[in-house]
């Protein structure tokens, strides 16, 4: 009898372990399946837009390629900071996204990810960002909380000011100055002007991009340049910002006495920006998604390519 009881308890223990192992496998499988959703939710591949400007600041600060450790931790810091900002944006705007037909199929309102999933992602991204900053230098670590707070704050701005796109622009503009700090441990006028260029360019595009939501913003009491001034005026404002952005890019070349390669990159970037206005107009926003993807990628890559050739070849 005692032997049979021990045998039954042994079977129960084995069965319990099998159930636990099966549960772990299912949990791991679910996590693996969610990873592509996480990446898609924060538009991970669009890091290609921000990284080239960060790398431009990095190679200009080093006047070449810095040590591989610097490149690694600057990359980790930039990607994790962007992930923090995007995940915070998705959390903060989830109710608005659910009401907007253009964004209703984003991962949180569509139920593809849970709120707890996105909160976890933002916490992990924030932790990685602080670790990366600490491994760069003291100033980078000291300013990391300011950058993180700003990235979390800017999604709220559409609730109270039409200048929300400018706040977004400066969120992206952190990259080149932050990368410069990561290399030098200090800041100079050249990266500030480069960041200003990024801020103006990004604000201009965000103004155009959210012209698609003008009616929705009006109905929900949200704020944007297009709601405040109209779509046609938004295009004129964006064009002005783009011209100023290119002027700032050229000013960086003057401040750092860069070669013709850098200016060629700037000219190519300016041409891509100008072409954007052949793709979309106040009367036709249907290609806005295509314009967003193409111009953002080519503008930042063109500037970085010119910068890289300047510091490494000429």
Foldseek 3Di string as FASTA:
>chain_A
DVVVVVVVVVVVVVVVVVVVVVVVVVVVVVVVVCVVLLCVLLVLVCLLLLVLLLVLLQCLLVLAHDPVLLVVLLVLLSSLLSSLLSLLLCLVCVVVLCVDPVRVCRCDNVVVDDNVVSVVSNVVSLVSNLVSQVVQDDLSNVCSVVLSVLSNPLSCPQQPEQQSLLSVQLNSLVRSQSSSCSHPVDGDVLSVLLSLLSSLQSSLLVLQLCLVCLVVCVVVVTHHPCVVPNLQVSNVSSVVSNVSSLVSQVVSCVVSVWDVLLVQLSVQLSVLVVVLCVQAHSVGCPCSVVSVVVSSNSNSVSNSRSSNCRSPPD
